[in-house]
Amino acid sequence: MLTKIQKWGNSLALRIPKAFAAEANITNDSVVEISMEDGQIKIKTVTAFDWTLNQLLAGVTHENIHQEISTGNPVGNETW
């Protein structure tokens, strides 16, 4: 099947025909991995991670935690 690449902002976009999307179980907002193999673009479906806050915080250690970062003085009606 031939299809057309089109400009989308600063990138290029490829429309995936409905029949191909259905067969690959791709829906709107699906996560895919795109790679180059032997000069060909490969698109692979992947399972999106559904992280919990506890799982994310489990990766924070004394070695990789950063110090507080100043974002400047309050502007507007913030209460600190």
N, C-alpha and C. Protein backbone atom coordinates (compact mmCIF):
# COMPACT_ATOMS: atom_id res chain seq x y z
N MET A 1 0.84 -1.18 0.00
CA MET A 1 0.00 0.00 0.00
C MET A 1 0.89 1.24 0.00
N LEU A 2 0.57 2.20 -0.82
CA LEU A 2 1.28 3.46 -0.84
C LEU A 2 0.51 4.47 0.00
N THR A 3 1.24 5.30 0.72
CA THR A 3 0.63 6.37 1.49
C THR A 3 1.56 7.57 1.41
N LYS A 4 1.11 8.71 1.87
CA LYS A 4 1.86 9.94 1.72
C LYS A 4 2.34 10.45 3.08
N ILE A 5 3.60 10.86 3.13
CA ILE A 5 4.17 11.51 4.32
C ILE A 5 3.81 12.99 4.23
N GLN A 6 3.36 13.56 5.35
CA GLN A 6 2.99 14.98 5.36
C GLN A 6 3.67 15.70 6.51
N LYS A 7 3.87 16.99 6.32
CA LYS A 7 4.49 17.83 7.35
C LYS A 7 3.52 18.04 8.50
N TRP A 8 4.03 17.93 9.74
CA TRP A 8 3.24 18.17 10.95
C TRP A 8 4.12 18.96 11.89
N GLY A 9 3.96 20.29 11.92
CA GLY A 9 4.87 21.15 12.68
C GLY A 9 6.25 21.06 12.07
N ASN A 10 7.27 20.79 12.89
CA ASN A 10 8.64 20.64 12.39
C ASN A 10 8.96 19.19 12.04
N SER A 11 8.00 18.30 12.19
CA SER A 11 8.21 16.88 11.95
C SER A 11 7.45 16.43 10.71
N LEU A 12 7.61 15.15 10.41
CA LEU A 12 6.84 14.53 9.34
C LEU A 12 5.90 13.52 9.96
N ALA A 13 4.73 13.34 9.37
CA ALA A 13 3.72 12.43 9.92
C ALA A 13 3.34 11.40 8.87
N LEU A 14 2.98 10.23 9.36
CA LEU A 14 2.54 9.13 8.52
C LEU A 14 1.17 8.67 9.02
N ARG A 15 0.19 8.63 8.16
CA ARG A 15 -1.13 8.12 8.55
C ARG A 15 -1.11 6.61 8.44
N ILE A 16 -1.63 5.95 9.47
CA ILE A 16 -1.71 4.49 9.46
C ILE A 16 -3.13 4.12 9.07
N PRO A 17 -3.30 3.39 7.98
CA PRO A 17 -4.65 3.02 7.56
C PRO A 17 -5.39 2.24 8.66
N LYS A 18 -6.71 2.42 8.73
CA LYS A 18 -7.53 1.83 9.77
C LYS A 18 -7.35 0.31 9.85
N ALA A 19 -7.31 -0.36 8.73
CA ALA A 19 -7.17 -1.82 8.73
C ALA A 19 -5.83 -2.25 9.35
N PHE A 20 -4.76 -1.51 9.05
CA PHE A 20 -3.45 -1.83 9.63
C PHE A 20 -3.47 -1.57 11.13
N ALA A 21 -4.05 -0.44 11.52
CA ALA A 21 -4.11 -0.09 12.95
C ALA A 21 -4.89 -1.15 13.73
N ALA A 22 -6.00 -1.60 13.17
CA ALA A 22 -6.81 -2.61 13.85
C ALA A 22 -6.05 -3.92 13.99
N GLU A 23 -5.37 -4.32 12.93
CA GLU A 23 -4.62 -5.58 12.97
C GLU A 23 -3.46 -5.51 13.97
N ALA A 24 -2.84 -4.33 14.11
CA ALA A 24 -1.72 -4.15 15.04
C ALA A 24 -2.19 -3.75 16.43
N ASN A 25 -3.52 -3.63 16.60
CA ASN A 25 -4.11 -3.22 17.88
C ASN A 25 -3.60 -1.85 18.32
N ILE A 26 -3.53 -0.93 17.36
CA ILE A 26 -3.11 0.45 17.62
C ILE A 26 -4.35 1.33 17.63
N THR A 27 -4.49 2.12 18.69
CA THR A 27 -5.60 3.07 18.80
C THR A 27 -5.03 4.45 19.05
N ASN A 28 -5.90 5.44 19.10
CA ASN A 28 -5.46 6.79 19.41
C ASN A 28 -4.73 6.80 20.75
N ASP A 29 -3.60 7.47 20.84
CA ASP A 29 -2.74 7.57 22.02
C ASP A 29 -2.00 6.29 22.36
N SER A 30 -1.97 5.31 21.46
CA SER A 30 -1.15 4.12 21.70
C SER A 30 0.32 4.52 21.75
N VAL A 31 1.10 3.78 22.53
CA VAL A 31 2.54 4.01 22.60
C VAL A 31 3.22 3.04 21.65
N VAL A 32 4.09 3.57 20.81
CA VAL A 32 4.85 2.73 19.87
C VAL A 32 6.32 3.08 19.98
N GLU A 33 7.15 2.14 19.56
CA GLU A 33 8.59 2.37 19.49
C GLU A 33 8.95 2.48 18.02
N ILE A 34 9.70 3.52 17.68
CA ILE A 34 10.13 3.70 16.29
C ILE A 34 11.65 3.57 16.25
N SER A 35 12.15 2.81 15.27
CA SER A 35 13.59 2.59 15.19
C SER A 35 14.00 2.47 13.72
N MET A 36 15.30 2.54 13.51
CA MET A 36 15.86 2.34 12.17
C MET A 36 16.62 1.02 12.19
N GLU A 37 16.31 0.13 11.24
CA GLU A 37 17.00 -1.15 11.11
C GLU A 37 17.32 -1.39 9.64
N ASP A 38 18.58 -1.47 9.34
CA ASP A 38 19.02 -1.71 7.96
C ASP A 38 18.42 -0.71 6.98
N GLY A 39 18.36 0.56 7.39
CA GLY A 39 17.86 1.61 6.51
C GLY A 39 16.35 1.65 6.39
N GLN A 40 15.64 0.87 7.20
CA GLN A 40 14.19 0.86 7.17
C GLN A 40 13.63 1.36 8.49
N ILE A 41 12.54 2.11 8.42
CA ILE A 41 11.87 2.58 9.63
C ILE A 41 10.96 1.46 10.12
N LYS A 42 11.10 1.09 11.39
CA LYS A 42 10.29 0.03 12.00
C LYS A 42 9.44 0.65 13.10
N ILE A 43 8.17 0.32 13.13
CA ILE A 43 7.26 0.79 14.17
C ILE A 43 6.75 -0.44 14.91
N LYS A 44 6.95 -0.45 16.24
CA LYS A 44 6.58 -1.61 17.05
C LYS A 44 5.66 -1.17 18.17
N THR A 45 4.56 -1.87 18.35
CA THR A 45 3.66 -1.55 19.45
C THR A 45 4.30 -2.00 20.76
N VAL A 46 4.10 -1.22 21.80
CA VAL A 46 4.60 -1.55 23.13
C VAL A 46 3.51 -1.30 24.15
N THR A 47 3.63 -1.95 25.27
CA THR A 47 2.68 -1.74 26.35
C THR A 47 3.11 -0.50 27.12
N ALA A 48 2.22 0.44 27.29
CA ALA A 48 2.52 1.66 28.04
C ALA A 48 2.66 1.31 29.51
N PHE A 49 3.62 1.93 30.17
CA PHE A 49 3.81 1.72 31.59
C PHE A 49 2.76 2.49 32.36
N ASP A 50 2.21 1.87 33.36
CA ASP A 50 1.23 2.51 34.22
C ASP A 50 1.84 2.58 35.61
N TRP A 51 2.78 3.51 35.79
CA TRP A 51 3.54 3.62 37.02
C TRP A 51 2.67 4.16 38.16
N THR A 52 2.93 3.66 39.36
CA THR A 52 2.31 4.23 40.55
C THR A 52 3.32 5.19 41.18
N LEU A 53 2.85 6.08 42.04
CA LEU A 53 3.75 7.01 42.71
C LEU A 53 4.79 6.24 43.53
N ASN A 54 4.39 5.18 44.22
CA ASN A 54 5.33 4.39 45.02
C ASN A 54 6.41 3.75 44.16
N GLN A 55 6.03 3.27 42.96
CA GLN A 55 7.03 2.69 42.06
C GLN A 55 8.02 3.76 41.59
N LEU A 56 7.54 4.94 41.29
CA LEU A 56 8.43 6.02 40.86
C LEU A 56 9.36 6.45 41.98
N LEU A 57 8.81 6.60 43.18
CA LEU A 57 9.62 7.05 44.31
C LEU A 57 10.63 5.99 44.76
N ALA A 58 10.38 4.73 44.45
CA ALA A 58 11.32 3.66 44.81
C ALA A 58 12.67 3.87 44.14
N GLY A 59 12.71 4.58 43.03
CA GLY A 59 13.96 4.84 42.32
C GLY A 59 14.75 6.02 42.87
N VAL A 60 14.19 6.76 43.81
CA VAL A 60 14.88 7.91 44.40
C VAL A 60 15.78 7.43 45.52
N THR A 61 17.05 7.78 45.43
CA THR A 61 18.02 7.40 46.45
C THR A 61 18.77 8.64 46.94
N HIS A 62 19.58 8.48 48.00
CA HIS A 62 20.40 9.59 48.48
C HIS A 62 21.41 10.03 47.42
N GLU A 63 21.80 9.13 46.53
CA GLU A 63 22.79 9.44 45.50
C GLU A 63 22.19 10.23 44.33
N ASN A 64 20.89 10.04 44.03
CA ASN A 64 20.35 10.71 42.85
C ASN A 64 19.32 11.79 43.16
N ILE A 65 19.04 12.05 44.42
CA ILE A 65 18.07 13.09 44.76
C ILE A 65 18.73 14.46 44.59
N HIS A 66 18.02 15.42 44.09
CA HIS A 66 18.60 16.75 43.88
C HIS A 66 18.16 17.70 45.00
N GLN A 67 18.88 18.78 45.09
CA GLN A 67 18.58 19.80 46.08
C GLN A 67 17.37 20.63 45.64
N GLU A 68 16.82 21.39 46.56
CA GLU A 68 15.73 22.30 46.24
C GLU A 68 16.19 23.28 45.18
N ILE A 69 15.31 23.61 44.26
CA ILE A 69 15.63 24.53 43.17
C ILE A 69 14.79 25.79 43.33
N SER A 70 15.45 26.94 43.28
CA SER A 70 14.74 28.20 43.38
C SER A 70 14.12 28.55 42.03
N THR A 71 12.87 28.94 42.08
CA THR A 71 12.19 29.35 40.84
C THR A 71 11.91 30.84 40.84
N GLY A 72 12.53 31.55 41.77
CA GLY A 72 12.36 33.00 41.82
C GLY A 72 11.29 33.41 42.82
N ASN A 73 11.06 34.70 42.88
CA ASN A 73 10.06 35.24 43.81
C ASN A 73 8.65 34.96 43.31
N PRO A 74 7.69 34.85 44.26
CA PRO A 74 6.29 34.66 43.86
C PRO A 74 5.80 35.81 42.99
N VAL A 75 4.98 35.50 42.02
CA VAL A 75 4.39 36.51 41.14
C VAL A 75 2.88 36.26 41.14
N GLY A 76 2.11 37.28 41.42
CA GLY A 76 0.66 37.10 41.44
C GLY A 76 0.14 36.90 42.85
N ASN A 77 -0.80 35.97 43.01
CA ASN A 77 -1.46 35.78 44.28
C ASN A 77 -1.02 34.53 45.02
N GLU A 78 0.17 34.00 44.73
CA GLU A 78 0.64 32.80 45.42
C GLU A 78 0.81 33.10 46.91
N THR A 79 0.54 32.10 47.72
CA THR A 79 0.76 32.19 49.15
C THR A 79 1.81 31.16 49.52
N TRP A 80 2.92 31.61 50.12
CA TRP A 80 4.00 30.68 50.49
C TRP A 80 4.19 30.70 51.97
